[in-house]
N, C-alpha and C. Protein backbone atom coordinates (compact mmCIF):
# COMPACT_ATOMS: atom_id res chain seq x y z
N MET A 1 -9.38 -15.43 -24.06
CA MET A 1 -8.60 -15.15 -25.48
C MET A 1 -7.81 -16.21 -25.19
N THR A 2 -7.38 -17.13 -26.22
CA THR A 2 -6.52 -18.12 -26.20
C THR A 2 -5.11 -17.64 -26.97
N SER A 3 -4.16 -18.43 -26.78
CA SER A 3 -2.80 -18.08 -27.00
C SER A 3 -2.77 -17.85 -28.12
N ASN A 4 -3.84 -18.42 -29.19
CA ASN A 4 -3.75 -18.28 -30.94
C ASN A 4 -3.99 -16.70 -31.13
N ASP A 5 -5.13 -16.15 -30.16
CA ASP A 5 -5.23 -15.03 -30.27
C ASP A 5 -4.19 -13.88 -30.07
N ALA A 6 -3.03 -14.36 -29.55
CA ALA A 6 -2.26 -13.08 -29.03
C ALA A 6 -2.04 -12.12 -30.31
N TRP A 7 -1.34 -11.11 -29.89
CA TRP A 7 -1.04 -10.12 -30.61
C TRP A 7 -0.08 -9.11 -29.97
N ILE A 8 0.78 -8.36 -30.72
CA ILE A 8 1.66 -7.74 -30.21
C ILE A 8 1.18 -6.47 -29.28
N GLY A 9 1.70 -6.52 -28.15
CA GLY A 9 1.15 -5.29 -27.08
C GLY A 9 2.26 -4.12 -27.24
N ASP A 10 1.41 -2.64 -26.99
CA ASP A 10 2.29 -1.60 -27.58
C ASP A 10 1.85 -0.65 -26.37
N ALA A 11 2.44 -0.04 -25.37
CA ALA A 11 1.73 0.85 -24.23
C ALA A 11 1.61 2.27 -24.66
N ARG A 12 2.26 2.56 -25.93
CA ARG A 12 2.38 3.66 -26.16
C ARG A 12 0.97 4.64 -26.38
N PRO A 13 0.09 3.67 -27.36
CA PRO A 13 -1.11 4.45 -27.42
C PRO A 13 -2.21 4.37 -26.23
N TYR A 14 -1.79 3.73 -25.23
CA TYR A 14 -2.69 3.77 -23.93
C TYR A 14 -1.73 5.25 -23.02
N LEU A 15 -0.78 5.72 -23.53
CA LEU A 15 -0.03 6.63 -22.89
C LEU A 15 -0.48 8.15 -23.73
N ALA A 16 -0.95 7.85 -24.70
CA ALA A 16 -1.25 9.25 -25.75
C ALA A 16 -2.58 9.92 -25.35
N PRO A 17 -2.76 10.89 -24.99
CA PRO A 17 -3.98 11.65 -24.81
C PRO A 17 -5.09 11.42 -26.36
N ARG A 18 -6.10 11.33 -26.23
CA ARG A 18 -7.15 11.17 -27.09
C ARG A 18 -7.78 12.39 -28.02
N ALA A 19 -7.59 12.61 -28.95
CA ALA A 19 -8.33 13.43 -29.89
C ALA A 19 -9.99 13.29 -29.35
N ALA A 20 -10.90 14.33 -29.49
CA ALA A 20 -12.02 14.39 -29.33
C ALA A 20 -13.00 13.31 -30.07
N GLY A 21 -13.78 12.66 -29.41
CA GLY A 21 -14.56 12.07 -30.42
C GLY A 21 -13.83 10.27 -30.58
N GLU A 22 -12.50 10.63 -30.20
CA GLU A 22 -11.53 9.03 -30.88
C GLU A 22 -11.85 7.79 -29.82
N GLN A 23 -11.49 7.02 -30.21
CA GLN A 23 -12.07 5.75 -29.37
C GLN A 23 -10.97 5.47 -28.15
N ASP A 24 -10.99 4.82 -27.26
CA ASP A 24 -9.94 4.72 -26.15
C ASP A 24 -9.46 3.81 -26.81
N ALA A 25 -8.25 3.50 -26.51
CA ALA A 25 -6.93 2.85 -26.87
C ALA A 25 -7.08 1.16 -26.65
N TRP A 26 -7.82 0.75 -25.90
CA TRP A 26 -8.58 -0.53 -25.94
C TRP A 26 -9.13 -0.84 -26.81
N SER A 27 -10.48 -0.12 -26.95
CA SER A 27 -11.48 -0.50 -28.19
C SER A 27 -10.66 -0.48 -29.45
N ALA A 28 -9.77 0.61 -29.57
CA ALA A 28 -8.95 0.70 -31.13
C ALA A 28 -8.40 -0.65 -31.06
N GLU A 29 -7.47 -1.07 -30.37
CA GLU A 29 -6.58 -2.37 -30.43
C GLU A 29 -7.42 -3.41 -30.78
N ALA A 30 -8.53 -3.56 -29.72
CA ALA A 30 -9.20 -4.86 -30.36
C ALA A 30 -9.82 -4.65 -31.54
N ALA A 31 -10.60 -3.34 -32.20
CA ALA A 31 -10.90 -3.43 -33.47
C ALA A 31 -9.89 -3.40 -34.62
N ALA A 32 -8.81 -3.47 -34.19
CA ALA A 32 -7.70 -3.21 -35.67
C ALA A 32 -7.69 -5.03 -35.45
N HIS A 33 -7.84 -5.78 -34.25
CA HIS A 33 -7.96 -7.10 -34.56
C HIS A 33 -9.26 -7.94 -35.09
N ASP A 34 -10.14 -7.09 -35.20
CA ASP A 34 -11.66 -7.48 -35.70
C ASP A 34 -12.09 -8.28 -34.43
N ARG A 35 -12.03 -7.36 -33.37
CA ARG A 35 -12.79 -7.99 -32.32
C ARG A 35 -13.12 -6.55 -31.55
N ARG A 36 -14.01 -6.65 -30.29
CA ARG A 36 -14.58 -5.53 -30.18
C ARG A 36 -14.09 -5.47 -28.31
N GLY A 37 -13.39 -4.54 -28.07
CA GLY A 37 -12.84 -4.19 -26.65
C GLY A 37 -14.11 -3.11 -25.75
N GLY A 38 -14.39 -3.25 -24.65
CA GLY A 38 -14.66 -2.72 -23.69
C GLY A 38 -14.56 -2.48 -22.35
N GLN A 39 -15.12 -1.73 -21.53
CA GLN A 39 -14.58 -1.79 -20.00
C GLN A 39 -16.04 -1.66 -19.02
N ARG A 40 -15.84 -1.97 -17.82
CA ARG A 40 -16.65 -1.34 -17.19
C ARG A 40 -16.26 -1.06 -15.58
N LEU A 41 -16.78 -0.03 -15.24
CA LEU A 41 -16.04 0.77 -14.45
C LEU A 41 -16.89 0.03 -13.21
N LEU A 42 -15.78 -0.36 -12.12
CA LEU A 42 -16.28 -1.23 -10.92
C LEU A 42 -16.53 -0.38 -9.73
N SER A 43 -15.59 0.72 -9.32
CA SER A 43 -15.47 1.37 -8.50
C SER A 43 -14.52 2.49 -8.94
N VAL A 44 -14.39 3.63 -8.22
CA VAL A 44 -13.71 4.79 -8.13
C VAL A 44 -13.64 5.35 -6.52
N GLU A 45 -12.71 5.09 -5.61
CA GLU A 45 -12.47 5.44 -4.15
C GLU A 45 -11.28 5.96 -3.95
N GLU A 46 -10.98 6.43 -2.63
CA GLU A 46 -9.86 6.76 -2.23
C GLU A 46 -9.70 5.70 -1.17
N VAL A 47 -8.30 5.02 -1.42
CA VAL A 47 -7.69 3.84 -0.39
C VAL A 47 -6.31 3.98 0.13
N ASP A 48 -6.31 3.23 1.00
CA ASP A 48 -4.77 3.18 1.36
C ASP A 48 -4.06 2.39 0.27
N PRO A 49 -3.09 2.59 -0.49
CA PRO A 49 -2.46 2.07 -1.61
C PRO A 49 -1.47 0.76 -1.10
N PRO A 50 -1.51 -0.38 -2.26
CA PRO A 50 -0.48 -1.27 -2.05
C PRO A 50 0.75 -0.84 -2.15
N GLU A 51 1.85 -1.64 -1.57
CA GLU A 51 3.29 -0.71 -1.21
C GLU A 51 3.77 -0.37 -2.39
N PRO A 52 3.81 -1.28 -3.79
CA PRO A 52 4.68 -0.48 -4.96
C PRO A 52 4.13 0.67 -5.29
N VAL A 53 2.44 0.89 -4.94
CA VAL A 53 2.10 2.27 -5.27
C VAL A 53 2.53 3.64 -4.60
N ARG A 54 2.66 3.12 -3.20
CA ARG A 54 3.01 4.26 -2.02
C ARG A 54 4.47 4.72 -2.44
N ALA A 55 5.04 3.51 -2.58
CA ALA A 55 6.57 3.93 -2.89
C ALA A 55 7.12 4.74 -3.91
N PHE A 56 6.22 4.23 -4.61
CA PHE A 56 6.50 5.11 -6.46
C PHE A 56 5.82 6.60 -6.37
N PHE A 57 4.84 6.78 -5.54
CA PHE A 57 4.25 8.25 -5.58
C PHE A 57 4.72 8.86 -4.13
N GLY A 58 5.79 8.13 -3.49
CA GLY A 58 6.72 8.70 -2.57
C GLY A 58 5.80 9.30 -1.25
N ILE A 59 4.68 8.36 -1.26
CA ILE A 59 3.45 9.29 0.13
C ILE A 59 3.61 8.00 1.11
N ASP A 60 3.27 9.04 2.48
CA ASP A 60 3.48 8.40 3.59
C ASP A 60 2.50 6.96 3.88
N LEU A 61 2.56 6.20 4.83
CA LEU A 61 1.95 5.39 5.25
C LEU A 61 0.49 5.78 5.99
N GLY A 62 -0.79 5.53 5.54
CA GLY A 62 -1.64 5.92 5.66
C GLY A 62 -2.40 7.09 4.96
N GLU A 63 -1.39 7.56 3.97
CA GLU A 63 -2.08 8.71 2.99
C GLU A 63 -2.95 7.96 1.81
N LYS A 64 -3.75 8.75 1.74
CA LYS A 64 -4.85 7.54 0.83
C LYS A 64 -4.25 8.05 -0.63
N VAL A 65 -4.87 7.20 -1.64
CA VAL A 65 -4.77 7.36 -3.01
C VAL A 65 -6.17 7.45 -3.98
N VAL A 66 -6.25 7.82 -4.82
CA VAL A 66 -7.67 7.61 -5.67
C VAL A 66 -7.42 6.45 -6.73
N VAL A 67 -8.20 5.32 -6.46
CA VAL A 67 -8.67 4.38 -7.61
C VAL A 67 -9.46 3.96 -8.29
N ARG A 68 -9.24 3.72 -9.96
CA ARG A 68 -10.45 3.33 -10.69
C ARG A 68 -10.21 2.02 -11.01
N ARG A 69 -10.93 1.16 -10.92
CA ARG A 69 -10.98 -0.45 -10.80
C ARG A 69 -12.30 -0.19 -11.78
N ARG A 70 -11.48 -0.73 -12.85
CA ARG A 70 -12.29 -1.60 -14.32
C ARG A 70 -12.04 -3.02 -14.44
N LEU A 71 -13.07 -3.73 -14.96
CA LEU A 71 -13.18 -4.75 -15.61
C LEU A 71 -12.95 -4.55 -17.32
N ILE A 72 -11.72 -5.21 -17.83
CA ILE A 72 -11.71 -5.10 -19.04
C ILE A 72 -12.18 -6.14 -19.87
N LEU A 73 -13.01 -5.82 -21.24
CA LEU A 73 -14.05 -6.93 -21.74
C LEU A 73 -13.52 -6.75 -23.48
N LEU A 74 -13.57 -8.11 -24.03
CA LEU A 74 -12.99 -8.44 -25.12
C LEU A 74 -14.50 -9.33 -25.52
N ASP A 75 -14.78 -8.68 -26.88
CA ASP A 75 -16.20 -9.57 -27.13
C ASP A 75 -17.06 -9.34 -26.13
N ASP A 76 -17.31 -8.84 -25.47
CA ASP A 76 -18.05 -8.87 -23.72
C ASP A 76 -17.95 -9.81 -23.08
N LEU A 77 -16.37 -10.70 -23.06
CA LEU A 77 -16.04 -11.89 -21.98
C LEU A 77 -14.89 -10.83 -21.41
N PRO A 78 -14.89 -10.76 -19.84
CA PRO A 78 -13.74 -10.35 -18.98
C PRO A 78 -12.30 -11.06 -19.35
N VAL A 79 -11.25 -10.08 -19.69
CA VAL A 79 -10.07 -10.58 -19.92
C VAL A 79 -8.83 -10.07 -19.09
N GLU A 80 -9.45 -9.08 -18.18
CA GLU A 80 -8.38 -8.07 -17.47
C GLU A 80 -9.11 -7.29 -16.32
N LEU A 81 -8.26 -7.03 -15.18
CA LEU A 81 -9.03 -6.39 -14.33
C LEU A 81 -7.96 -5.18 -14.22
N ALA A 82 -8.40 -4.09 -14.47
CA ALA A 82 -7.47 -2.79 -14.31
C ALA A 82 -7.63 -1.94 -12.80
N ASP A 83 -6.80 -1.88 -12.26
CA ASP A 83 -6.61 -0.70 -11.20
C ASP A 83 -6.06 0.34 -11.43
N SER A 84 -6.29 1.49 -11.64
CA SER A 84 -5.14 2.71 -12.13
C SER A 84 -5.37 3.55 -10.75
N TYR A 85 -4.09 3.82 -10.38
CA TYR A 85 -4.11 4.62 -8.93
C TYR A 85 -3.54 6.01 -9.37
N TYR A 86 -3.94 7.28 -8.57
CA TYR A 86 -3.57 8.46 -8.82
C TYR A 86 -3.25 9.33 -7.68
N PRO A 87 -2.28 9.94 -7.38
CA PRO A 87 -1.89 10.70 -6.40
C PRO A 87 -3.48 11.43 -5.98
N THR A 88 -3.72 11.77 -4.53
CA THR A 88 -4.95 12.76 -4.24
C THR A 88 -4.76 14.22 -4.79
N HIS A 89 -3.59 14.82 -4.70
CA HIS A 89 -3.17 15.71 -5.08
C HIS A 89 -3.70 16.38 -6.47
N ILE A 90 -3.34 15.18 -7.40
CA ILE A 90 -3.62 15.36 -8.45
C ILE A 90 -5.15 14.83 -9.13
N ALA A 91 -5.76 13.96 -8.45
CA ALA A 91 -6.87 13.24 -8.78
C ALA A 91 -8.22 13.99 -8.19
N ARG A 92 -8.20 14.23 -6.55
CA ARG A 92 -9.06 14.86 -6.27
C ARG A 92 -9.63 16.23 -6.69
N GLY A 93 -11.34 16.27 -6.96
CA GLY A 93 -11.75 17.45 -7.66
C GLY A 93 -11.85 17.11 -9.23
N THR A 94 -11.16 16.20 -9.38
CA THR A 94 -11.11 15.92 -11.04
C THR A 94 -11.98 14.71 -11.47
N ARG A 95 -12.51 14.50 -12.60
CA ARG A 95 -13.31 13.30 -12.99
C ARG A 95 -12.78 12.32 -12.69
N LEU A 96 -11.18 12.31 -12.26
CA LEU A 96 -10.47 10.90 -11.71
C LEU A 96 -11.27 10.41 -10.80
N ALA A 97 -11.56 11.60 -9.63
CA ALA A 97 -12.18 10.91 -8.56
C ALA A 97 -13.94 10.96 -8.53
N GLU A 98 -13.89 11.00 -9.74
CA GLU A 98 -15.80 10.56 -9.69
C GLU A 98 -16.42 9.53 -10.62
N ARG A 99 -17.29 8.95 -10.25
CA ARG A 99 -17.52 7.48 -10.68
C ARG A 99 -18.50 7.86 -12.02
N GLY A 100 -17.99 7.25 -13.20
CA GLY A 100 -18.41 7.51 -14.54
C GLY A 100 -17.34 7.52 -15.39
N LYS A 101 -17.30 7.52 -16.52
CA LYS A 101 -16.31 7.62 -17.75
C LYS A 101 -15.64 9.01 -17.62
N VAL A 102 -14.59 8.81 -17.85
CA VAL A 102 -13.57 10.07 -17.97
C VAL A 102 -13.87 10.16 -19.78
N PRO A 103 -14.02 11.52 -20.10
CA PRO A 103 -13.97 11.53 -21.34
C PRO A 103 -12.53 11.71 -22.06
N GLY A 104 -12.64 10.77 -23.19
CA GLY A 104 -10.92 10.85 -23.90
C GLY A 104 -9.93 9.97 -22.85
N GLY A 105 -10.58 9.73 -21.91
CA GLY A 105 -9.69 8.60 -20.94
C GLY A 105 -8.92 9.53 -19.94
N ALA A 106 -8.27 8.61 -18.74
CA ALA A 106 -7.29 9.41 -17.94
C ALA A 106 -6.24 9.93 -18.59
N ILE A 107 -5.98 9.42 -19.04
CA ILE A 107 -4.54 10.05 -19.81
C ILE A 107 -4.79 11.41 -20.69
N THR A 108 -6.00 11.49 -20.91
CA THR A 108 -6.25 12.31 -21.55
C THR A 108 -6.40 13.86 -20.87
N LEU A 109 -7.24 13.26 -19.59
CA LEU A 109 -7.60 14.27 -18.64
C LEU A 109 -6.50 14.82 -18.03
N LEU A 110 -5.41 13.75 -17.55
CA LEU A 110 -4.04 14.14 -16.98
C LEU A 110 -3.50 15.47 -18.15
N ALA A 111 -3.15 15.07 -18.90
CA ALA A 111 -2.31 15.92 -19.85
C ALA A 111 -3.54 17.29 -19.89
N GLU A 112 -4.63 17.54 -19.95
CA GLU A 112 -5.57 18.46 -20.13
C GLU A 112 -5.07 19.06 -18.16
N LEU A 113 -4.70 18.78 -17.69
CA LEU A 113 -4.15 19.01 -16.08
C LEU A 113 -2.45 19.45 -16.04
N GLY A 114 -2.14 19.44 -17.43
CA GLY A 114 -0.68 19.67 -17.25
C GLY A 114 0.43 18.55 -16.81
N HIS A 115 -0.24 17.33 -16.83
CA HIS A 115 0.79 16.16 -16.30
C HIS A 115 0.73 15.27 -17.70
N VAL A 116 1.56 15.58 -18.61
CA VAL A 116 1.54 14.89 -20.01
C VAL A 116 2.28 13.43 -19.63
N PRO A 117 2.03 12.78 -19.90
CA PRO A 117 2.80 11.44 -19.22
C PRO A 117 4.14 11.30 -20.29
N GLU A 118 4.77 10.46 -19.76
CA GLU A 118 6.54 10.17 -20.32
C GLU A 118 6.12 9.22 -21.63
N ALA A 119 6.85 8.91 -22.55
CA ALA A 119 7.06 8.03 -23.73
C ALA A 119 6.98 6.88 -23.29
N GLU A 120 7.84 6.46 -22.07
CA GLU A 120 8.28 5.03 -22.03
C GLU A 120 8.37 4.85 -20.64
N PRO A 121 7.11 4.28 -20.15
CA PRO A 121 6.49 4.13 -18.46
C PRO A 121 7.66 2.61 -18.05
N LEU A 122 7.93 2.38 -16.94
CA LEU A 122 8.34 1.24 -16.42
C LEU A 122 7.18 0.36 -16.29
N GLU A 123 7.54 -0.81 -16.83
CA GLU A 123 6.27 -1.88 -16.53
C GLU A 123 7.11 -3.11 -15.90
N ASP A 124 6.33 -3.65 -15.33
CA ASP A 124 6.80 -4.99 -14.37
C ASP A 124 5.56 -6.01 -14.63
N VAL A 125 6.53 -6.98 -15.22
CA VAL A 125 5.37 -8.22 -15.20
C VAL A 125 5.84 -9.68 -14.41
N ALA A 126 4.47 -9.75 -13.37
CA ALA A 126 5.01 -11.01 -12.93
C ALA A 126 3.45 -12.04 -13.38
N ALA A 127 4.01 -13.50 -12.45
CA ALA A 127 2.62 -14.03 -12.67
C ALA A 127 2.59 -14.49 -11.33
N ALA A 128 1.17 -14.84 -11.35
CA ALA A 128 0.97 -15.00 -9.87
C ALA A 128 -0.61 -16.02 -9.96
N VAL A 129 -0.79 -17.04 -8.97
CA VAL A 129 -2.34 -17.59 -9.11
C VAL A 129 -3.16 -16.70 -8.61
N ALA A 130 -4.33 -16.76 -9.23
CA ALA A 130 -5.69 -15.68 -9.45
C ALA A 130 -6.22 -15.94 -7.78
N THR A 131 -6.21 -14.76 -7.18
CA THR A 131 -7.28 -14.77 -6.21
C THR A 131 -8.32 -15.25 -6.25
N ILE A 132 -9.31 -15.52 -5.18
CA ILE A 132 -10.55 -16.06 -5.53
C ILE A 132 -11.64 -14.87 -5.88
N SER A 133 -11.26 -13.76 -5.49
CA SER A 133 -11.74 -12.65 -6.04
C SER A 133 -11.56 -12.38 -7.51
N GLN A 134 -10.40 -12.72 -7.82
CA GLN A 134 -10.14 -12.14 -9.23
C GLN A 134 -10.80 -13.46 -10.01
N CYS A 135 -10.79 -14.68 -9.81
CA CYS A 135 -11.10 -15.89 -10.17
C CYS A 135 -12.82 -15.60 -10.64
N ASN A 136 -13.63 -14.87 -9.51
CA ASN A 136 -15.06 -14.54 -9.82
C ASN A 136 -15.29 -13.49 -10.98
N ASP A 137 -14.57 -12.31 -10.63
CA ASP A 137 -14.41 -11.15 -11.46
C ASP A 137 -14.21 -11.72 -12.93
N LEU A 138 -13.20 -12.88 -13.16
CA LEU A 138 -12.60 -12.64 -14.39
C LEU A 138 -13.50 -14.32 -14.91
N GLY A 139 -14.25 -14.71 -14.50
CA GLY A 139 -14.76 -16.05 -14.93
C GLY A 139 -13.80 -17.30 -14.89
N LEU A 140 -12.72 -17.22 -13.97
CA LEU A 140 -11.74 -18.48 -14.04
C LEU A 140 -12.11 -19.12 -13.23
N PRO A 141 -11.35 -20.58 -13.23
CA PRO A 141 -11.43 -21.99 -12.32
C PRO A 141 -10.62 -21.18 -11.28
N THR A 142 -10.76 -21.88 -9.92
CA THR A 142 -9.88 -21.66 -8.75
C THR A 142 -8.45 -22.03 -9.24
N GLY A 143 -7.59 -21.39 -9.01
CA GLY A 143 -6.17 -21.59 -9.06
C GLY A 143 -5.50 -21.42 -10.56
N SER A 144 -6.12 -20.72 -11.32
CA SER A 144 -5.59 -20.44 -12.60
C SER A 144 -4.77 -19.32 -12.52
N PRO A 145 -3.52 -19.28 -13.28
CA PRO A 145 -2.57 -18.54 -13.20
C PRO A 145 -2.84 -17.12 -14.26
N VAL A 146 -2.23 -15.96 -13.84
CA VAL A 146 -2.84 -14.84 -14.52
C VAL A 146 -1.58 -14.17 -14.07
N LEU A 147 -1.37 -12.74 -15.35
CA LEU A 147 -0.08 -12.29 -15.41
C LEU A 147 -0.59 -10.85 -14.56
N ILE A 148 0.45 -10.32 -13.66
CA ILE A 148 -0.23 -9.05 -13.32
C ILE A 148 1.20 -8.04 -13.85
N LEU A 149 0.38 -7.46 -14.24
CA LEU A 149 1.28 -6.04 -15.49
C LEU A 149 1.27 -4.94 -14.53
N THR A 150 2.27 -4.46 -13.64
CA THR A 150 2.47 -2.74 -13.68
C THR A 150 2.91 -2.15 -14.01
N ARG A 151 2.21 -0.91 -14.71
CA ARG A 151 2.62 0.23 -15.15
C ARG A 151 2.87 1.13 -14.29
N PHE A 152 4.15 1.87 -14.24
CA PHE A 152 4.96 2.87 -13.34
C PHE A 152 4.89 4.46 -14.57
N THR A 153 3.92 5.33 -14.21
CA THR A 153 4.16 6.49 -15.54
C THR A 153 4.35 7.92 -14.78
N ARG A 154 5.22 8.27 -14.96
CA ARG A 154 5.62 9.76 -14.82
C ARG A 154 5.00 10.67 -15.72
N SER A 155 4.89 11.97 -15.21
CA SER A 155 4.93 13.05 -16.09
C SER A 155 6.17 13.03 -17.04
N ALA A 156 5.92 13.71 -17.99
CA ALA A 156 7.19 14.43 -18.89
C ALA A 156 8.35 15.25 -18.01
N THR A 157 7.97 15.74 -17.17
CA THR A 157 8.81 16.37 -16.29
C THR A 157 9.25 15.86 -14.78
N GLY A 158 8.72 14.27 -15.08
CA GLY A 158 9.00 13.43 -13.75
C GLY A 158 8.39 13.00 -12.86
N GLU A 159 7.24 14.11 -12.75
CA GLU A 159 6.40 13.56 -11.52
C GLU A 159 5.70 12.47 -11.65
N PRO A 160 5.50 11.36 -10.66
CA PRO A 160 4.86 10.13 -10.69
C PRO A 160 3.30 10.52 -10.77
N ILE A 161 2.55 10.39 -11.71
CA ILE A 161 1.10 10.46 -11.95
C ILE A 161 -0.05 9.52 -11.93
N GLU A 162 0.66 8.01 -12.16
CA GLU A 162 -0.34 7.03 -12.11
C GLU A 162 0.61 5.63 -12.13
N VAL A 163 -0.24 5.07 -11.59
CA VAL A 163 0.27 3.15 -11.42
C VAL A 163 -1.01 2.63 -11.94
N SER A 164 -0.92 1.53 -12.76
CA SER A 164 -1.86 0.93 -13.34
C SER A 164 -1.16 -0.63 -12.84
N ILE A 165 -2.40 -1.36 -12.01
CA ILE A 165 -1.93 -2.76 -11.94
C ILE A 165 -3.30 -3.46 -12.73
N MET A 166 -2.51 -4.38 -13.69
CA MET A 166 -3.74 -4.99 -14.36
C MET A 166 -3.70 -6.61 -14.69
N THR A 167 -4.53 -7.17 -13.97
CA THR A 167 -4.39 -8.64 -13.70
C THR A 167 -4.93 -9.11 -14.82
N VAL A 168 -3.91 -9.93 -15.83
CA VAL A 168 -4.51 -10.23 -16.98
C VAL A 168 -4.58 -12.07 -17.73
N THR A 169 -5.47 -12.32 -18.02
CA THR A 169 -5.99 -13.69 -18.44
C THR A 169 -5.32 -13.99 -19.99
N ARG A 170 -5.20 -12.65 -20.61
CA ARG A 170 -4.54 -13.11 -21.70
C ARG A 170 -3.28 -13.54 -22.15
N HIS A 171 -2.85 -13.78 -23.41
CA HIS A 171 -1.34 -14.10 -23.97
C HIS A 171 -0.63 -12.56 -24.06
N LEU A 172 0.38 -12.32 -23.81
CA LEU A 172 1.07 -10.92 -23.96
C LEU A 172 2.00 -11.37 -24.69
N GLN A 173 2.41 -10.19 -25.83
CA GLN A 173 3.83 -10.13 -26.41
C GLN A 173 4.44 -9.18 -26.78
N TYR A 174 5.30 -8.55 -25.99
CA TYR A 174 5.96 -7.31 -26.43
C TYR A 174 7.23 -7.41 -27.23
N ARG A 175 7.52 -6.09 -27.61
CA ARG A 175 8.96 -5.54 -28.53
C ARG A 175 9.35 -4.79 -27.39
N GLN A 176 10.73 -5.34 -27.32
CA GLN A 176 11.73 -4.16 -26.24
C GLN A 176 12.83 -3.81 -27.17
N ARG A 177 13.24 -2.52 -26.43
CA ARG A 177 14.25 -2.08 -27.41
C ARG A 177 14.95 -1.74 -26.36
N LYS A 178 16.61 -2.16 -27.03
CA LYS A 178 17.72 -2.10 -26.52
C LYS A 178 18.13 -0.71 -26.30
N GLN A 179 18.60 0.09 -25.10
CA GLN A 179 18.84 1.43 -25.11
C GLN A 179 20.46 1.33 -24.83
N ALA A 180 21.12 2.49 -25.68
CA ALA A 180 22.32 2.60 -25.08
C ALA A 180 22.96 2.81 -24.17
N SER A 181 23.99 2.12 -23.76
CA SER A 181 24.47 2.36 -22.36
C SER A 181 25.46 3.56 -22.07
């Protein structure tokens, strides 16, 4: 995707449970721009999480979490790597911990399990140079810049339920809302 292909991103559709048979949020967003969105599941496993995930979940060093790693596609070309982490006490024994598509997506399943996501998660954006692995997965030349978007999501009751770390090659635009102090 080039900078001329940019559109305004909105996290809300990604945090809303989907109705039966409804397109996933990425496919719907791409279709709204006459594009084709898709994803390929790369792995599902229990791992030692990176520090920001561990801290957000409030777990001890050495505790595992479930991660779902996906390659996000736009018109069949890779544009993003998305790693979504879940506490094991939520994910174990559910489709989140199984290899395969989660009907309606992870947010829909989390809501069905009683973990309705908050409306406005914290999102952190940083710039980085892509690792060799990221370059290979995303088809980028060595030394390419990427954006790292990390979304920290709590349930409506305040429980940490998901951290998504997205390595993004495309241009992002966001709208921000000023909150009263």
